[in-house]
Amino acid sequence: TWSLQMNSLKSEDTAVYYCQARDWNS
């Protein structure tokens, strides 16, 4: 698992956020 703590959010942070993972074969 992994997490993203977002503080002091701004209007320009508005977006769709995607988690991403890269395996050992890139």
PDB file of all heavy atoms in Angstrom:
ATOM      1  N   THR A   1       0.844  -1.193   0.000  1.00  0.00           N
ATOM      2  CA  THR A   1       0.000   0.000   0.000  1.00  0.00           C
ATOM      3  C   THR A   1       0.878   1.243   0.000  1.00  0.00           C
ATOM      4  O   THR A   1       2.030   1.189   0.452  1.00  0.00           O
ATOM      5  CB  THR A   1      -0.922   0.051   1.225  1.00  0.00           C
ATOM      6  OG1 THR A   1      -0.117   0.082   2.425  1.00  0.00           O
ATOM      7  CG2 THR A   1      -1.841  -1.160   1.293  1.00  0.00           C
ATOM      8  N   TRP A   2       0.345   2.328  -0.493  1.00  0.00           N
ATOM      9  CA  TRP A   2       1.024   3.612  -0.405  1.00  0.00           C
ATOM     10  C   TRP A   2      -0.015   4.714  -0.311  1.00  0.00           C
ATOM     11  O   TRP A   2      -1.168   4.551  -0.719  1.00  0.00           O
ATOM     12  CB  TRP A   2       2.007   3.839  -1.542  1.00  0.00           C
ATOM     13  CG  TRP A   2       1.507   3.728  -2.938  1.00  0.00           C
ATOM     14  CD1 TRP A   2       1.207   4.743  -3.790  1.00  0.00           C
ATOM     15  CD2 TRP A   2       1.270   2.527  -3.673  1.00  0.00           C
ATOM     16  NE1 TRP A   2       0.801   4.249  -4.995  1.00  0.00           N
ATOM     17  CE2 TRP A   2       0.830   2.894  -4.956  1.00  0.00           C
ATOM     18  CE3 TRP A   2       1.380   1.162  -3.376  1.00  0.00           C
ATOM     19  CZ2 TRP A   2       0.519   1.963  -5.936  1.00  0.00           C
ATOM     20  CZ3 TRP A   2       1.069   0.229  -4.345  1.00  0.00           C
ATOM     21  CH2 TRP A   2       0.639   0.629  -5.606  1.00  0.00           C
ATOM     22  N   SER A   3       0.399   5.821   0.275  1.00  0.00           N
ATOM     23  CA  SER A   3      -0.537   6.904   0.573  1.00  0.00           C
ATOM     24  C   SER A   3       0.081   8.245   0.209  1.00  0.00           C
ATOM     25  O   SER A   3       1.302   8.365   0.107  1.00  0.00           O
ATOM     26  CB  SER A   3      -0.878   6.912   2.067  1.00  0.00           C
ATOM     27  OG  SER A   3      -1.461   5.684   2.462  1.00  0.00           O
ATOM     28  N   LEU A   4      -0.793   9.213   0.042  1.00  0.00           N
ATOM     29  CA  LEU A   4      -0.375  10.582  -0.237  1.00  0.00           C
ATOM     30  C   LEU A   4      -1.094  11.499   0.737  1.00  0.00           C
ATOM     31  O   LEU A   4      -2.321  11.615   0.674  1.00  0.00           O
ATOM     32  CB  LEU A   4      -0.705  10.963  -1.676  1.00  0.00           C
ATOM     33  CG  LEU A   4      -0.242  12.349  -2.117  1.00  0.00           C
ATOM     34  CD1 LEU A   4       1.277  12.385  -2.250  1.00  0.00           C
ATOM     35  CD2 LEU A   4      -0.892  12.723  -3.449  1.00  0.00           C
ATOM     36  N   GLN A   5      -0.345  12.105   1.631  1.00  0.00           N
ATOM     37  CA  GLN A   5      -0.896  13.094   2.541  1.00  0.00           C
ATOM     38  C   GLN A   5      -0.779  14.459   1.885  1.00  0.00           C
ATOM     39  O   GLN A   5       0.334  14.889   1.560  1.00  0.00           O
ATOM     40  CB  GLN A   5      -0.157  13.073   3.877  1.00  0.00           C
ATOM     41  CG  GLN A   5      -0.633  14.106   4.864  1.00  0.00           C
ATOM     42  CD  GLN A   5      -2.064  13.863   5.319  1.00  0.00           C
ATOM     43  OE1 GLN A   5      -2.457  12.726   5.558  1.00  0.00           O
ATOM     44  NE2 GLN A   5      -2.839  14.932   5.433  1.00  0.00           N
ATOM     45  N   MET A   6      -1.911  15.123   1.710  1.00  0.00           N
ATOM     46  CA  MET A   6      -1.941  16.408   1.025  1.00  0.00           C
ATOM     47  C   MET A   6      -2.383  17.481   2.011  1.00  0.00           C
ATOM     48  O   MET A   6      -3.514  17.424   2.520  1.00  0.00           O
ATOM     49  CB  MET A   6      -2.894  16.347  -0.169  1.00  0.00           C
ATOM     50  CG  MET A   6      -2.577  15.211  -1.130  1.00  0.00           C
ATOM     51  SD  MET A   6      -3.609  15.240  -2.616  1.00  0.00           S
ATOM     52  CE  MET A   6      -5.204  14.825  -1.894  1.00  0.00           C
ATOM     53  N   ASN A   7      -1.511  18.420   2.291  1.00  0.00           N
ATOM     54  CA  ASN A   7      -1.806  19.516   3.196  1.00  0.00           C
ATOM     55  C   ASN A   7      -1.773  20.846   2.449  1.00  0.00           C
ATOM     56  O   ASN A   7      -1.231  20.931   1.346  1.00  0.00           O
ATOM     57  CB  ASN A   7      -0.784  19.547   4.337  1.00  0.00           C
ATOM     58  CG  ASN A   7      -0.811  18.300   5.185  1.00  0.00           C
ATOM     59  OD1 ASN A   7      -1.862  17.673   5.355  1.00  0.00           O
ATOM     60  ND2 ASN A   7       0.333  17.916   5.736  1.00  0.00           N
ATOM     61  N   SER A   8      -2.349  21.846   3.077  1.00  0.00           N
ATOM     62  CA  SER A   8      -2.354  23.200   2.495  1.00  0.00           C
ATOM     63  C   SER A   8      -2.833  23.171   1.053  1.00  0.00           C
ATOM     64  O   SER A   8      -2.207  23.757   0.165  1.00  0.00           O
ATOM     65  CB  SER A   8      -0.954  23.815   2.576  1.00  0.00           C
ATOM     66  OG  SER A   8      -0.491  23.849   3.903  1.00  0.00           O
ATOM     67  N   LEU A   9      -3.926  22.511   0.838  1.00  0.00           N
ATOM     68  CA  LEU A   9      -4.432  22.328  -0.525  1.00  0.00           C
ATOM     69  C   LEU A   9      -4.853  23.655  -1.142  1.00  0.00           C
ATOM     70  O   LEU A   9      -5.364  24.558  -0.458  1.00  0.00           O
ATOM     71  CB  LEU A   9      -5.586  21.340  -0.527  1.00  0.00           C
ATOM     72  CG  LEU A   9      -5.152  19.876  -0.409  1.00  0.00           C
ATOM     73  CD1 LEU A   9      -6.305  18.998   0.059  1.00  0.00           C
ATOM     74  CD2 LEU A   9      -4.613  19.384  -1.740  1.00  0.00           C
ATOM     75  N   LYS A  10      -4.624  23.734  -2.435  1.00  0.00           N
ATOM     76  CA  LYS A  10      -4.953  24.934  -3.204  1.00  0.00           C
ATOM     77  C   LYS A  10      -5.940  24.543  -4.306  1.00  0.00           C
ATOM     78  O   LYS A  10      -6.021  23.373  -4.698  1.00  0.00           O
ATOM     79  CB  LYS A  10      -3.688  25.513  -3.840  1.00  0.00           C
ATOM     80  CG  LYS A  10      -2.560  25.799  -2.868  1.00  0.00           C
ATOM     81  CD  LYS A  10      -1.317  26.259  -3.623  1.00  0.00           C
ATOM     82  CE  LYS A  10      -0.156  26.518  -2.676  1.00  0.00           C
ATOM     83  NZ  LYS A  10       1.061  26.956  -3.403  1.00  0.00           N
ATOM     84  N   SER A  11      -6.619  25.540  -4.833  1.00  0.00           N
ATOM     85  CA  SER A  11      -7.588  25.266  -5.894  1.00  0.00           C
ATOM     86  C   SER A  11      -6.896  24.611  -7.098  1.00  0.00           C
ATOM     87  O   SER A  11      -7.495  23.777  -7.782  1.00  0.00           O
ATOM     88  CB  SER A  11      -8.299  26.537  -6.311  1.00  0.00           C
ATOM     89  OG  SER A  11      -7.366  27.518  -6.724  1.00  0.00           O
ATOM     90  N   GLU A  12      -5.636  24.974  -7.325  1.00  0.00           N
ATOM     91  CA  GLU A  12      -4.932  24.393  -8.474  1.00  0.00           C
ATOM     92  C   GLU A  12      -4.535  22.937  -8.266  1.00  0.00           C
ATOM     93  O   GLU A  12      -4.008  22.304  -9.179  1.00  0.00           O
ATOM     94  CB  GLU A  12      -3.690  25.220  -8.835  1.00  0.00           C
ATOM     95  CG  GLU A  12      -2.779  25.531  -7.681  1.00  0.00           C
ATOM     96  CD  GLU A  12      -3.048  26.917  -7.096  1.00  0.00           C
ATOM     97  OE1 GLU A  12      -4.240  27.269  -6.901  1.00  0.00           O
ATOM     98  OE2 GLU A  12      -2.055  27.637  -6.814  1.00  0.00           O
ATOM     99  N   ASP A  13      -4.785  22.406  -7.076  1.00  0.00           N
ATOM    100  CA  ASP A  13      -4.575  20.982  -6.846  1.00  0.00           C
ATOM    101  C   ASP A  13      -5.764  20.142  -7.307  1.00  0.00           C
ATOM    102  O   ASP A  13      -5.713  18.906  -7.294  1.00  0.00           O
ATOM    103  CB  ASP A  13      -4.321  20.699  -5.355  1.00  0.00           C
ATOM    104  CG  ASP A  13      -3.029  21.313  -4.857  1.00  0.00           C
ATOM    105  OD1 ASP A  13      -2.009  21.233  -5.576  1.00  0.00           O
ATOM    106  OD2 ASP A  13      -3.041  21.870  -3.741  1.00  0.00           O
ATOM    107  N   THR A  14      -6.835  20.817  -7.697  1.00  0.00           N
ATOM    108  CA  THR A  14      -8.019  20.105  -8.179  1.00  0.00           C
ATOM    109  C   THR A  14      -7.677  19.288  -9.421  1.00  0.00           C
ATOM    110  O   THR A  14      -7.149  19.819 -10.400  1.00  0.00           O
ATOM    111  CB  THR A  14      -9.148  21.094  -8.492  1.00  0.00           C
ATOM    112  OG1 THR A  14      -9.560  21.720  -7.281  1.00  0.00           O
ATOM    113  CG2 THR A  14     -10.326  20.389  -9.140  1.00  0.00           C
ATOM    114  N   ALA A  15      -7.953  17.991  -9.363  1.00  0.00           N
ATOM    115  CA  ALA A  15      -7.606  17.090 -10.458  1.00  0.00           C
ATOM    116  C   ALA A  15      -8.111  15.688 -10.128  1.00  0.00           C
ATOM    117  O   ALA A  15      -8.544  15.426  -8.997  1.00  0.00           O
ATOM    118  CB  ALA A  15      -6.095  17.049 -10.665  1.00  0.00           C
ATOM    119  N   VAL A  16      -8.006  14.819 -11.103  1.00  0.00           N
ATOM    120  CA  VAL A  16      -8.174  13.399 -10.838  1.00  0.00           C
ATOM    121  C   VAL A  16      -6.790  12.841 -10.499  1.00  0.00           C
ATOM    122  O   VAL A  16      -5.833  13.059 -11.252  1.00  0.00           O
ATOM    123  CB  VAL A  16      -8.760  12.657 -12.047  1.00  0.00           C
ATOM    124  CG1 VAL A  16      -8.856  11.156 -11.752  1.00  0.00           C
ATOM    125  CG2 VAL A  16     -10.140  13.211 -12.393  1.00  0.00           C
ATOM    126  N   TYR A  17      -6.711  12.168  -9.371  1.00  0.00           N
ATOM    127  CA  TYR A  17      -5.447  11.614  -8.899  1.00  0.00           C
ATOM    128  C   TYR A  17      -5.419  10.106  -9.161  1.00  0.00           C
ATOM    129  O   TYR A  17      -6.386   9.397  -8.865  1.00  0.00           O
ATOM    130  CB  TYR A  17      -5.272  11.907  -7.409  1.00  0.00           C
ATOM    131  CG  TYR A  17      -4.895  13.345  -7.135  1.00  0.00           C
ATOM    132  CD1 TYR A  17      -5.814  14.372  -7.343  1.00  0.00           C
ATOM    133  CD2 TYR A  17      -3.620  13.678  -6.695  1.00  0.00           C
ATOM    134  CE1 TYR A  17      -5.459  15.692  -7.112  1.00  0.00           C
ATOM    135  CE2 TYR A  17      -3.259  14.998  -6.459  1.00  0.00           C
ATOM    136  CZ  TYR A  17      -4.186  15.999  -6.673  1.00  0.00           C
ATOM    137  OH  TYR A  17      -3.833  17.308  -6.443  1.00  0.00           O
ATOM    138  N   TYR A  18      -4.303   9.653  -9.698  1.00  0.00           N
ATOM    139  CA  TYR A  18      -4.135   8.249 -10.053  1.00  0.00           C
ATOM    140  C   TYR A  18      -2.956   7.659  -9.274  1.00  0.00           C
ATOM    141  O   TYR A  18      -1.868   8.258  -9.257  1.00  0.00           O
ATOM    142  CB  TYR A  18      -3.843   8.092 -11.536  1.00  0.00           C
ATOM    143  CG  TYR A  18      -4.935   8.573 -12.443  1.00  0.00           C
ATOM    144  CD1 TYR A  18      -4.972   9.889 -12.896  1.00  0.00           C
ATOM    145  CD2 TYR A  18      -5.944   7.702 -12.870  1.00  0.00           C
ATOM    146  CE1 TYR A  18      -5.971  10.339 -13.737  1.00  0.00           C
ATOM    147  CE2 TYR A  18      -6.950   8.143 -13.720  1.00  0.00           C
ATOM    148  CZ  TYR A  18      -6.957   9.463 -14.153  1.00  0.00           C
ATOM    149  OH  TYR A  18      -7.954   9.893 -14.986  1.00  0.00           O
ATOM    150  N   CYS A  19      -3.172   6.520  -8.674  1.00  0.00           N
ATOM    151  CA  CYS A  19      -2.017   5.823  -8.131  1.00  0.00           C
ATOM    152  C   CYS A  19      -1.384   5.006  -9.258  1.00  0.00           C
ATOM    153  O   CYS A  19      -2.055   4.573 -10.198  1.00  0.00           O
ATOM    154  CB  CYS A  19      -2.357   4.970  -6.915  1.00  0.00           C
ATOM    155  SG  CYS A  19      -3.409   3.551  -7.188  1.00  0.00           S
ATOM    156  N   GLN A  20      -0.091   4.849  -9.152  1.00  0.00           N
ATOM    157  CA  GLN A  20       0.695   4.222 -10.208  1.00  0.00           C
ATOM    158  C   GLN A  20       1.714   3.294  -9.576  1.00  0.00           C
ATOM    159  O   GLN A  20       2.209   3.567  -8.484  1.00  0.00           O
ATOM    160  CB  GLN A  20       1.393   5.318 -11.016  1.00  0.00           C
ATOM    161  CG  GLN A  20       2.385   4.835 -12.050  1.00  0.00           C
ATOM    162  CD  GLN A  20       3.822   4.887 -11.572  1.00  0.00           C
ATOM    163  OE1 GLN A  20       4.117   5.409 -10.500  1.00  0.00           O
ATOM    164  NE2 GLN A  20       4.720   4.311 -12.333  1.00  0.00           N
ATOM    165  N   ALA A  21       2.005   2.217 -10.286  1.00  0.00           N
ATOM    166  CA  ALA A  21       3.033   1.294  -9.813  1.00  0.00           C
ATOM    167  C   ALA A  21       3.818   0.761 -11.003  1.00  0.00           C
ATOM    168  O   ALA A  21       3.249   0.538 -12.079  1.00  0.00           O
ATOM    169  CB  ALA A  21       2.403   0.143  -9.046  1.00  0.00           C
ATOM    170  N   ARG A  22       5.106   0.595 -10.806  1.00  0.00           N
ATOM    171  CA  ARG A  22       5.976   0.067 -11.859  1.00  0.00           C
ATOM    172  C   ARG A  22       6.580  -1.241 -11.373  1.00  0.00           C
ATOM    173  O   ARG A  22       7.202  -1.290 -10.306  1.00  0.00           O
ATOM    174  CB  ARG A  22       7.080   1.064 -12.185  1.00  0.00           C
ATOM    175  CG  ARG A  22       8.075   0.576 -13.232  1.00  0.00           C
ATOM    176  CD  ARG A  22       8.874   1.727 -13.799  1.00  0.00           C
ATOM    177  NE  ARG A  22       8.025   2.623 -14.563  1.00  0.00           N
ATOM    178  CZ  ARG A  22       8.473   3.761 -15.107  1.00  0.00           C
ATOM    179  NH1 ARG A  22       9.730   4.131 -14.939  1.00  0.00           N
ATOM    180  NH2 ARG A  22       7.662   4.526 -15.805  1.00  0.00           N
ATOM    181  N   ASP A  23       6.411  -2.293 -12.187  1.00  0.00           N
ATOM    182  CA  ASP A  23       6.939  -3.586 -11.755  1.00  0.00           C
ATOM    183  C   ASP A  23       8.402  -3.736 -12.147  1.00  0.00           C
ATOM    184  O   ASP A  23       9.029  -2.800 -12.671  1.00  0.00           O
ATOM    185  CB  ASP A  23       6.062  -4.735 -12.281  1.00  0.00           C
ATOM    186  CG  ASP A  23       6.132  -4.923 -13.792  1.00  0.00           C
ATOM    187  OD1 ASP A  23       7.054  -4.368 -14.432  1.00  0.00           O
ATOM    188  OD2 ASP A  23       5.266  -5.628 -14.333  1.00  0.00           O
ATOM    189  N   TRP A  24       8.949  -4.913 -11.908  1.00  0.00           N
ATOM    190  CA  TRP A  24      10.370  -5.139 -12.107  1.00  0.00           C
ATOM    191  C   TRP A  24      10.758  -5.248 -13.578  1.00  0.00           C
ATOM    192  O   TRP A  24      11.951  -5.287 -13.904  1.00  0.00           O
ATOM    193  CB  TRP A  24      10.795  -6.395 -11.341  1.00  0.00           C
ATOM    194  CG  TRP A  24      10.460  -6.255  -9.890  1.00  0.00           C
ATOM    195  CD1 TRP A  24       9.369  -6.744  -9.247  1.00  0.00           C
ATOM    196  CD2 TRP A  24      11.200  -5.503  -8.913  1.00  0.00           C
ATOM    197  NE1 TRP A  24       9.386  -6.369  -7.922  1.00  0.00           N
ATOM    198  CE2 TRP A  24      10.486  -5.619  -7.690  1.00  0.00           C
ATOM    199  CE3 TRP A  24      12.376  -4.769  -8.952  1.00  0.00           C
ATOM    200  CZ2 TRP A  24      10.932  -5.015  -6.514  1.00  0.00           C
ATOM    201  CZ3 TRP A  24      12.820  -4.176  -7.777  1.00  0.00           C
ATOM    202  CH2 TRP A  24      12.101  -4.299  -6.583  1.00  0.00           C
ATOM    203  N   ASN A  25       9.757  -5.277 -14.458  1.00  0.00           N
ATOM    204  CA  ASN A  25      10.002  -5.239 -15.905  1.00  0.00           C
ATOM    205  C   ASN A  25       9.686  -3.862 -16.490  1.00  0.00           C
ATOM    206  O   ASN A  25       9.540  -3.736 -17.717  1.00  0.00           O
ATOM    207  CB  ASN A  25       9.142  -6.304 -16.600  1.00  0.00           C
ATOM    208  CG  ASN A  25       9.553  -7.708 -16.204  1.00  0.00           C
ATOM    209  OD1 ASN A  25      10.735  -8.049 -16.214  1.00  0.00           O
ATOM    210  ND2 ASN A  25       8.587  -8.529 -15.834  1.00  0.00           N
ATOM    211  N   SER A  26       9.574  -2.864 -15.600  1.00  0.00           N
ATOM    212  CA  SER A  26       9.283  -1.478 -15.994  1.00  0.00           C
ATOM    213  C   SER A  26       7.921  -1.309 -16.646  1.00  0.00           C
ATOM    214  O   SER A  26       7.710  -0.363 -17.418  1.00  0.00           O
ATOM    215  CB  SER A  26      10.379  -0.940 -16.938  1.00  0.00           C
ATOM    216  OG  SER A  26      11.619  -0.908 -16.274  1.00  0.00           O
TER     217      SER A  26
END
